[in-house]
Amino acid sequence: VRFASLPKDELGRMLVQEHGLDGPLSHYLAYFC
C-alpha cells in the first residue's frame, strides 16, 4: 500500500481550514514538510 505526500498548496489550505493556522505558518509547514 503506497502512501504519497499531499500537494503543498492542498496541505497549506488544510492547515488553515481544519487546524486554524495562519497563512505564514501554514505555508512554511506545507513547504518545509
PDB file of all heavy atoms in Angstrom:
ATOM      1  N   VAL A   1       0.876  -1.176   0.000  1.00  0.00           N
ATOM      2  CA  VAL A   1       0.000   0.000   0.000  1.00  0.00           C
ATOM      3  C   VAL A   1       0.910   1.221   0.000  1.00  0.00           C
ATOM      4  O   VAL A   1       1.693   1.417   0.930  1.00  0.00           O
ATOM      5  CB  VAL A   1      -0.932   0.021   1.230  1.00  0.00           C
ATOM      6  CG1 VAL A   1      -1.851   1.240   1.172  1.00  0.00           C
ATOM      7  CG2 VAL A   1      -1.756  -1.259   1.304  1.00  0.00           C
ATOM      8  N   ARG A   2       0.818   2.021  -1.050  1.00  0.00           N
ATOM      9  CA  ARG A   2       1.702   3.178  -1.208  1.00  0.00           C
ATOM     10  C   ARG A   2       1.041   4.439  -0.673  1.00  0.00           C
ATOM     11  O   ARG A   2      -0.100   4.728  -0.996  1.00  0.00           O
ATOM     12  CB  ARG A   2       2.095   3.347  -2.676  1.00  0.00           C
ATOM     13  CG  ARG A   2       2.983   2.232  -3.208  1.00  0.00           C
ATOM     14  CD  ARG A   2       3.252   2.410  -4.698  1.00  0.00           C
ATOM     15  NE  ARG A   2       4.245   1.462  -5.203  1.00  0.00           N
ATOM     16  CZ  ARG A   2       3.968   0.223  -5.591  1.00  0.00           C
ATOM     17  NH1 ARG A   2       2.718  -0.214  -5.537  1.00  0.00           N
ATOM     18  NH2 ARG A   2       4.929  -0.566  -6.039  1.00  0.00           N
ATOM     19  N   PHE A   3       1.810   5.179   0.115  1.00  0.00           N
ATOM     20  CA  PHE A   3       1.372   6.447   0.682  1.00  0.00           C
ATOM     21  C   PHE A   3       2.165   7.566   0.017  1.00  0.00           C
ATOM     22  O   PHE A   3       3.382   7.455  -0.138  1.00  0.00           O
ATOM     23  CB  PHE A   3       1.613   6.481   2.188  1.00  0.00           C
ATOM     24  CG  PHE A   3       0.733   5.554   2.982  1.00  0.00           C
ATOM     25  CD1 PHE A   3       0.889   4.171   2.898  1.00  0.00           C
ATOM     26  CD2 PHE A   3      -0.250   6.056   3.813  1.00  0.00           C
ATOM     27  CE1 PHE A   3       0.078   3.309   3.623  1.00  0.00           C
ATOM     28  CE2 PHE A   3      -1.069   5.205   4.544  1.00  0.00           C
ATOM     29  CZ  PHE A   3      -0.900   3.835   4.454  1.00  0.00           C
ATOM     30  N   ALA A   4       1.479   8.640  -0.366  1.00  0.00           N
ATOM     31  CA  ALA A   4       2.150   9.737  -1.068  1.00  0.00           C
ATOM     32  C   ALA A   4       1.894  11.060  -0.351  1.00  0.00           C
ATOM     33  O   ALA A   4       0.899  11.220   0.363  1.00  0.00           O
ATOM     34  CB  ALA A   4       1.664   9.828  -2.514  1.00  0.00           C
ATOM     35  N   SER A   5       2.809  11.993  -0.551  1.00  0.00           N
ATOM     36  CA  SER A   5       2.659  13.329   0.024  1.00  0.00           C
ATOM     37  C   SER A   5       1.512  14.068  -0.658  1.00  0.00           C
ATOM     38  O   SER A   5       1.183  13.823  -1.822  1.00  0.00           O
ATOM     39  CB  SER A   5       3.948  14.141  -0.149  1.00  0.00           C
ATOM     40  OG  SER A   5       5.039  13.495   0.463  1.00  0.00           O
ATOM     41  N   LEU A   6       0.912  14.993   0.085  1.00  0.00           N
ATOM     42  CA  LEU A   6      -0.102  15.871  -0.481  1.00  0.00           C
ATOM     43  C   LEU A   6       0.549  16.959  -1.323  1.00  0.00           C
ATOM     44  O   LEU A   6       1.700  17.350  -1.051  1.00  0.00           O
ATOM     45  CB  LEU A   6      -0.893  16.546   0.642  1.00  0.00           C
ATOM     46  CG  LEU A   6      -1.941  15.726   1.383  1.00  0.00           C
ATOM     47  CD1 LEU A   6      -2.452  16.513   2.585  1.00  0.00           C
ATOM     48  CD2 LEU A   6      -3.097  15.382   0.472  1.00  0.00           C
ATOM     49  N   PRO A   7      -0.147  17.488  -2.325  1.00  0.00           N
ATOM     50  CA  PRO A   7       0.329  18.723  -2.956  1.00  0.00           C
ATOM     51  C   PRO A   7       0.484  19.799  -1.878  1.00  0.00           C
ATOM     52  O   PRO A   7      -0.350  19.915  -0.976  1.00  0.00           O
ATOM     53  CB  PRO A   7      -0.782  19.070  -3.943  1.00  0.00           C
ATOM     54  CG  PRO A   7      -1.458  17.765  -4.228  1.00  0.00           C
ATOM     55  CD  PRO A   7      -1.392  16.987  -2.941  1.00  0.00           C
ATOM     56  N   LYS A   8       1.552  20.579  -1.974  1.00  0.00           N
ATOM     57  CA  LYS A   8       1.861  21.528  -0.900  1.00  0.00           C
ATOM     58  C   LYS A   8       0.749  22.554  -0.695  1.00  0.00           C
ATOM     59  O   LYS A   8       0.424  22.906   0.443  1.00  0.00           O
ATOM     60  CB  LYS A   8       3.191  22.218  -1.196  1.00  0.00           C
ATOM     61  CG  LYS A   8       4.377  21.267  -1.279  1.00  0.00           C
ATOM     62  CD  LYS A   8       5.663  22.015  -1.575  1.00  0.00           C
ATOM     63  CE  LYS A   8       6.832  21.075  -1.800  1.00  0.00           C
ATOM     64  NZ  LYS A   8       6.701  20.310  -3.061  1.00  0.00           N
ATOM     65  N   ASP A   9       0.157  23.052  -1.790  1.00  0.00           N
ATOM     66  CA  ASP A   9      -0.899  24.045  -1.621  1.00  0.00           C
ATOM     67  C   ASP A   9      -2.134  23.443  -0.964  1.00  0.00           C
ATOM     68  O   ASP A   9      -2.831  24.104  -0.182  1.00  0.00           O
ATOM     69  CB  ASP A   9      -1.257  24.698  -2.961  1.00  0.00           C
ATOM     70  CG  ASP A   9      -1.655  23.688  -4.033  1.00  0.00           C
ATOM     71  OD1 ASP A   9      -1.472  22.477  -3.811  1.00  0.00           O
ATOM     72  OD2 ASP A   9      -2.148  24.130  -5.086  1.00  0.00           O
ATOM     73  N   GLU A  10      -2.399  22.160  -1.247  1.00  0.00           N
ATOM     74  CA  GLU A  10      -3.540  21.483  -0.611  1.00  0.00           C
ATOM     75  C   GLU A  10      -3.300  21.321   0.885  1.00  0.00           C
ATOM     76  O   GLU A  10      -4.205  21.539   1.700  1.00  0.00           O
ATOM     77  CB  GLU A  10      -3.774  20.128  -1.265  1.00  0.00           C
ATOM     78  CG  GLU A  10      -4.970  19.382  -0.691  1.00  0.00           C
ATOM     79  CD  GLU A  10      -5.207  18.046  -1.367  1.00  0.00           C
ATOM     80  OE1 GLU A  10      -4.718  17.867  -2.504  1.00  0.00           O
ATOM     81  OE2 GLU A  10      -5.880  17.188  -0.761  1.00  0.00           O
ATOM     82  N   LEU A  11      -2.083  20.928   1.264  1.00  0.00           N
ATOM     83  CA  LEU A  11      -1.765  20.801   2.680  1.00  0.00           C
ATOM     84  C   LEU A  11      -1.851  22.156   3.363  1.00  0.00           C
ATOM     85  O   LEU A  11      -2.365  22.266   4.486  1.00  0.00           O
ATOM     86  CB  LEU A  11      -0.373  20.206   2.868  1.00  0.00           C
ATOM     87  CG  LEU A  11       0.131  20.105   4.314  1.00  0.00           C
ATOM     88  CD1 LEU A  11      -0.849  19.359   5.205  1.00  0.00           C
ATOM     89  CD2 LEU A  11       1.505  19.446   4.359  1.00  0.00           C
ATOM     90  N   GLY A  12      -1.370  23.206   2.708  1.00  0.00           N
ATOM     91  CA  GLY A  12      -1.456  24.541   3.286  1.00  0.00           C
ATOM     92  C   GLY A  12      -2.900  24.945   3.566  1.00  0.00           C
ATOM     93  O   GLY A  12      -3.216  25.477   4.639  1.00  0.00           O
ATOM     94  N   ARG A  13      -3.790  24.696   2.609  1.00  0.00           N
ATOM     95  CA  ARG A  13      -5.214  25.017   2.817  1.00  0.00           C
ATOM     96  C   ARG A  13      -5.805  24.198   3.958  1.00  0.00           C
ATOM     97  O   ARG A  13      -6.582  24.711   4.769  1.00  0.00           O
ATOM     98  CB  ARG A  13      -5.995  24.757   1.529  1.00  0.00           C
ATOM     99  CG  ARG A  13      -5.763  25.792   0.436  1.00  0.00           C
ATOM    100  CD  ARG A  13      -6.813  25.679  -0.657  1.00  0.00           C
ATOM    101  NE  ARG A  13      -6.784  24.374  -1.304  1.00  0.00           N
ATOM    102  CZ  ARG A  13      -6.028  24.081  -2.354  1.00  0.00           C
ATOM    103  NH1 ARG A  13      -5.242  25.010  -2.879  1.00  0.00           N
ATOM    104  NH2 ARG A  13      -6.066  22.885  -2.896  1.00  0.00           N
ATOM    105  N   MET A  14      -5.432  22.933   4.031  1.00  0.00           N
ATOM    106  CA  MET A  14      -5.947  22.072   5.091  1.00  0.00           C
ATOM    107  C   MET A  14      -5.515  22.584   6.472  1.00  0.00           C
ATOM    108  O   MET A  14      -6.303  22.580   7.428  1.00  0.00           O
ATOM    109  CB  MET A  14      -5.448  20.642   4.875  1.00  0.00           C
ATOM    110  CG  MET A  14      -6.037  19.622   5.820  1.00  0.00           C
ATOM    111  SD  MET A  14      -5.363  17.967   5.511  1.00  0.00           S
ATOM    112  CE  MET A  14      -5.929  17.706   3.827  1.00  0.00           C
ATOM    113  N   LEU A  15      -4.266  23.021   6.582  1.00  0.00           N
ATOM    114  CA  LEU A  15      -3.769  23.516   7.866  1.00  0.00           C
ATOM    115  C   LEU A  15      -4.510  24.785   8.293  1.00  0.00           C
ATOM    116  O   LEU A  15      -4.736  25.016   9.485  1.00  0.00           O
ATOM    117  CB  LEU A  15      -2.268  23.790   7.778  1.00  0.00           C
ATOM    118  CG  LEU A  15      -1.381  22.551   7.611  1.00  0.00           C
ATOM    119  CD1 LEU A  15       0.072  22.957   7.348  1.00  0.00           C
ATOM    120  CD2 LEU A  15      -1.460  21.653   8.839  1.00  0.00           C
ATOM    121  N   VAL A  16      -4.898  25.604   7.325  1.00  0.00           N
ATOM    122  CA  VAL A  16      -5.658  26.824   7.633  1.00  0.00           C
ATOM    123  C   VAL A  16      -7.090  26.484   7.984  1.00  0.00           C
ATOM    124  O   VAL A  16      -7.628  26.913   9.021  1.00  0.00           O
ATOM    125  CB  VAL A  16      -5.607  27.809   6.442  1.00  0.00           C
ATOM    126  CG1 VAL A  16      -6.564  28.984   6.674  1.00  0.00           C
ATOM    127  CG2 VAL A  16      -4.197  28.329   6.239  1.00  0.00           C
ATOM    128  N   GLN A  17      -7.752  25.712   7.130  1.00  0.00           N
ATOM    129  CA  GLN A  17      -9.187  25.485   7.265  1.00  0.00           C
ATOM    130  C   GLN A  17      -9.547  24.514   8.383  1.00  0.00           C
ATOM    131  O   GLN A  17     -10.572  24.692   9.055  1.00  0.00           O
ATOM    132  CB  GLN A  17      -9.743  24.978   5.934  1.00  0.00           C
ATOM    133  CG  GLN A  17      -9.631  25.985   4.802  1.00  0.00           C
ATOM    134  CD  GLN A  17      -9.977  25.394   3.445  1.00  0.00           C
ATOM    135  OE1 GLN A  17     -10.349  24.217   3.325  1.00  0.00           O
ATOM    136  NE2 GLN A  17      -9.837  26.202   2.394  1.00  0.00           N
ATOM    137  N   GLU A  18      -8.722  23.487   8.592  1.00  0.00           N
ATOM    138  CA  GLU A  18      -9.084  22.448   9.561  1.00  0.00           C
ATOM    139  C   GLU A  18      -8.319  22.551  10.868  1.00  0.00           C
ATOM    140  O   GLU A  18      -8.720  21.934  11.856  1.00  0.00           O
ATOM    141  CB  GLU A  18      -8.875  21.068   8.943  1.00  0.00           C
ATOM    142  CG  GLU A  18      -9.730  20.848   7.694  1.00  0.00           C
ATOM    143  CD  GLU A  18      -9.600  19.435   7.154  1.00  0.00           C
ATOM    144  OE1 GLU A  18      -9.077  18.566   7.890  1.00  0.00           O
ATOM    145  OE2 GLU A  18     -10.006  19.209   6.005  1.00  0.00           O
ATOM    146  N   HIS A  19      -7.218  23.307  10.876  1.00  0.00           N
ATOM    147  CA  HIS A  19      -6.418  23.398  12.100  1.00  0.00           C
ATOM    148  C   HIS A  19      -6.210  24.837  12.558  1.00  0.00           C
ATOM    149  O   HIS A  19      -5.528  25.062  13.557  1.00  0.00           O
ATOM    150  CB  HIS A  19      -5.076  22.692  11.896  1.00  0.00           C
ATOM    151  CG  HIS A  19      -5.224  21.223  11.599  1.00  0.00           C
ATOM    152  ND1 HIS A  19      -5.399  20.272  12.590  1.00  0.00           N
ATOM    153  CD2 HIS A  19      -5.246  20.545  10.423  1.00  0.00           C
ATOM    154  CE1 HIS A  19      -5.513  19.079  12.029  1.00  0.00           C
ATOM    155  NE2 HIS A  19      -5.428  19.210  10.721  1.00  0.00           N
ATOM    156  N   GLY A  20      -6.766  25.790  11.828  1.00  0.00           N
ATOM    157  CA  GLY A  20      -6.769  27.184  12.273  1.00  0.00           C
ATOM    158  C   GLY A  20      -5.422  27.870  12.274  1.00  0.00           C
ATOM    159  O   GLY A  20      -5.237  28.852  12.995  1.00  0.00           O
ATOM    160  N   LEU A  21      -4.466  27.401  11.471  1.00  0.00           N
ATOM    161  CA  LEU A  21      -3.162  28.050  11.432  1.00  0.00           C
ATOM    162  C   LEU A  21      -3.224  29.292  10.557  1.00  0.00           C
ATOM    163  O   LEU A  21      -4.031  29.380   9.630  1.00  0.00           O
ATOM    164  CB  LEU A  21      -2.099  27.095  10.892  1.00  0.00           C
ATOM    165  CG  LEU A  21      -1.918  25.760  11.631  1.00  0.00           C
ATOM    166  CD1 LEU A  21      -0.693  25.040  11.108  1.00  0.00           C
ATOM    167  CD2 LEU A  21      -1.828  25.953  13.132  1.00  0.00           C
ATOM    168  N   ASP A  22      -2.351  30.247  10.832  1.00  0.00           N
ATOM    169  CA  ASP A  22      -2.330  31.442   9.999  1.00  0.00           C
ATOM    170  C   ASP A  22      -1.569  31.165   8.702  1.00  0.00           C
ATOM    171  O   ASP A  22      -0.923  30.123   8.536  1.00  0.00           O
ATOM    172  CB  ASP A  22      -1.731  32.634  10.741  1.00  0.00           C
ATOM    173  CG  ASP A  22      -0.280  32.413  11.176  1.00  0.00           C
ATOM    174  OD1 ASP A  22       0.454  31.685  10.469  1.00  0.00           O
ATOM    175  OD2 ASP A  22       0.118  32.966  12.216  1.00  0.00           O
ATOM    176  N   GLY A  23      -1.653  32.120   7.772  1.00  0.00           N
ATOM    177  CA  GLY A  23      -1.074  31.926   6.453  1.00  0.00           C
ATOM    178  C   GLY A  23       0.408  31.649   6.438  1.00  0.00           C
ATOM    179  O   GLY A  23       0.859  30.664   5.827  1.00  0.00           O
ATOM    180  N   PRO A  24       1.238  32.497   7.074  1.00  0.00           N
ATOM    181  CA  PRO A  24       2.687  32.255   7.048  1.00  0.00           C
ATOM    182  C   PRO A  24       3.095  30.906   7.639  1.00  0.00           C
ATOM    183  O   PRO A  24       3.953  30.209   7.090  1.00  0.00           O
ATOM    184  CB  PRO A  24       3.246  33.426   7.868  1.00  0.00           C
ATOM    185  CG  PRO A  24       2.226  34.508   7.722  1.00  0.00           C
ATOM    186  CD  PRO A  24       0.907  33.793   7.686  1.00  0.00           C
ATOM    187  N   LEU A  25       2.469  30.527   8.756  1.00  0.00           N
ATOM    188  CA  LEU A  25       2.831  29.264   9.390  1.00  0.00           C
ATOM    189  C   LEU A  25       2.385  28.080   8.539  1.00  0.00           C
ATOM    190  O   LEU A  25       3.143  27.114   8.362  1.00  0.00           O
ATOM    191  CB  LEU A  25       2.201  29.169  10.788  1.00  0.00           C
ATOM    192  CG  LEU A  25       2.462  27.870  11.565  1.00  0.00           C
ATOM    193  CD1 LEU A  25       3.949  27.605  11.704  1.00  0.00           C
ATOM    194  CD2 LEU A  25       1.786  27.922  12.934  1.00  0.00           C
ATOM    195  N   SER A  26       1.167  28.132   8.004  1.00  0.00           N
ATOM    196  CA  SER A  26       0.679  27.024   7.183  1.00  0.00           C
ATOM    197  C   SER A  26       1.526  26.868   5.918  1.00  0.00           C
ATOM    198  O   SER A  26       1.819  25.752   5.494  1.00  0.00           O
ATOM    199  CB  SER A  26      -0.792  27.235   6.820  1.00  0.00           C
ATOM    200  OG  SER A  26      -0.957  28.381   6.011  1.00  0.00           O
ATOM    201  N   HIS A  27       1.927  27.991   5.328  1.00  0.00           N
ATOM    202  CA  HIS A  27       2.767  27.920   4.125  1.00  0.00           C
ATOM    203  C   HIS A  27       4.113  27.282   4.456  1.00  0.00           C
ATOM    204  O   HIS A  27       4.577  26.388   3.735  1.00  0.00           O
ATOM    205  CB  HIS A  27       2.995  29.321   3.554  1.00  0.00           C
ATOM    206  CG  HIS A  27       3.909  29.328   2.361  1.00  0.00           C
ATOM    207  ND1 HIS A  27       3.441  29.232   1.066  1.00  0.00           N
ATOM    208  CD2 HIS A  27       5.272  29.381   2.266  1.00  0.00           C
ATOM    209  CE1 HIS A  27       4.468  29.241   0.235  1.00  0.00           C
ATOM    210  NE2 HIS A  27       5.583  29.333   0.933  1.00  0.00           N
ATOM    211  N   TYR A  28       4.745  27.738   5.539  1.00  0.00           N
ATOM    212  CA  TYR A  28       6.052  27.193   5.892  1.00  0.00           C
ATOM    213  C   TYR A  28       5.966  25.692   6.156  1.00  0.00           C
ATOM    214  O   TYR A  28       6.784  24.911   5.648  1.00  0.00           O
ATOM    215  CB  TYR A  28       6.617  27.902   7.121  1.00  0.00           C
ATOM    216  CG  TYR A  28       7.907  27.275   7.595  1.00  0.00           C
ATOM    217  CD1 TYR A  28       9.080  27.414   6.868  1.00  0.00           C
ATOM    218  CD2 TYR A  28       7.933  26.497   8.753  1.00  0.00           C
ATOM    219  CE1 TYR A  28      10.263  26.815   7.274  1.00  0.00           C
ATOM    220  CE2 TYR A  28       9.112  25.894   9.176  1.00  0.00           C
ATOM    221  CZ  TYR A  28      10.269  26.055   8.440  1.00  0.00           C
ATOM    222  OH  TYR A  28      11.430  25.444   8.838  1.00  0.00           O
ATOM    223  N   LEU A  29       4.972  25.260   6.945  1.00  0.00           N
ATOM    224  CA  LEU A  29       4.858  23.840   7.267  1.00  0.00           C
ATOM    225  C   LEU A  29       4.586  23.005   6.020  1.00  0.00           C
ATOM    226  O   LEU A  29       5.152  21.926   5.845  1.00  0.00           O
ATOM    227  CB  LEU A  29       3.753  23.616   8.300  1.00  0.00           C
ATOM    228  CG  LEU A  29       4.060  24.084   9.721  1.00  0.00           C
ATOM    229  CD1 LEU A  29       2.831  23.928  10.609  1.00  0.00           C
ATOM    230  CD2 LEU A  29       5.231  23.303  10.314  1.00  0.00           C
ATOM    231  N   ALA A  30       3.723  23.504   5.144  1.00  0.00           N
ATOM    232  CA  ALA A  30       3.387  22.751   3.940  1.00  0.00           C
ATOM    233  C   ALA A  30       4.608  22.562   3.053  1.00  0.00           C
ATOM    234  O   ALA A  30       4.825  21.471   2.503  1.00  0.00           O
ATOM    235  CB  ALA A  30       2.276  23.464   3.174  1.00  0.00           C
ATOM    236  N   TYR A  31       5.426  23.607   2.912  1.00  0.00           N
ATOM    237  CA  TYR A  31       6.576  23.531   2.014  1.00  0.00           C
ATOM    238  C   TYR A  31       7.789  22.903   2.692  1.00  0.00           C
ATOM    239  O   TYR A  31       8.501  22.108   2.074  1.00  0.00           O
ATOM    240  CB  TYR A  31       6.908  24.926   1.466  1.00  0.00           C
ATOM    241  CG  TYR A  31       6.026  25.297   0.300  1.00  0.00           C
ATOM    242  CD1 TYR A  31       4.717  25.710   0.512  1.00  0.00           C
ATOM    243  CD2 TYR A  31       6.472  25.195  -1.011  1.00  0.00           C
ATOM    244  CE1 TYR A  31       3.878  26.019  -0.551  1.00  0.00           C
ATOM    245  CE2 TYR A  31       5.654  25.509  -2.076  1.00  0.00           C
ATOM    246  CZ  TYR A  31       4.353  25.914  -1.841  1.00  0.00           C
ATOM    247  OH  TYR A  31       3.528  26.201  -2.895  1.00  0.00           O
ATOM    248  N   PHE A  32       8.044  23.243   3.953  1.00  0.00           N
ATOM    249  CA  PHE A  32       9.191  22.650   4.635  1.00  0.00           C
ATOM    250  C   PHE A  32       8.985  21.149   4.834  1.00  0.00           C
ATOM    251  O   PHE A  32       9.932  20.362   4.721  1.00  0.00           O
ATOM    252  CB  PHE A  32       9.423  23.330   5.984  1.00  0.00           C
ATOM    253  CG  PHE A  32      10.616  22.800   6.730  1.00  0.00           C
ATOM    254  CD1 PHE A  32      11.900  23.047   6.279  1.00  0.00           C
ATOM    255  CD2 PHE A  32      10.457  22.053   7.885  1.00  0.00           C
ATOM    256  CE1 PHE A  32      13.015  22.552   6.951  1.00  0.00           C
ATOM    257  CE2 PHE A  32      11.561  21.560   8.579  1.00  0.00           C
ATOM    258  CZ  PHE A  32      12.836  21.815   8.098  1.00  0.00           C
ATOM    259  N   CYS A  33       7.752  20.735   5.127  1.00  0.00           N
ATOM    260  CA  CYS A  33       7.453  19.317   5.327  1.00  0.00           C
ATOM    261  C   CYS A  33       7.161  18.605   4.015  1.00  0.00           C
ATOM    262  O   CYS A  33       6.877  17.401   4.010  1.00  0.00           O
ATOM    263  CB  CYS A  33       6.261  19.159   6.275  1.00  0.00           C
ATOM    264  SG  CYS A  33       6.567  19.791   7.937  1.00  0.00           S
TER     265      CYS A  33
END
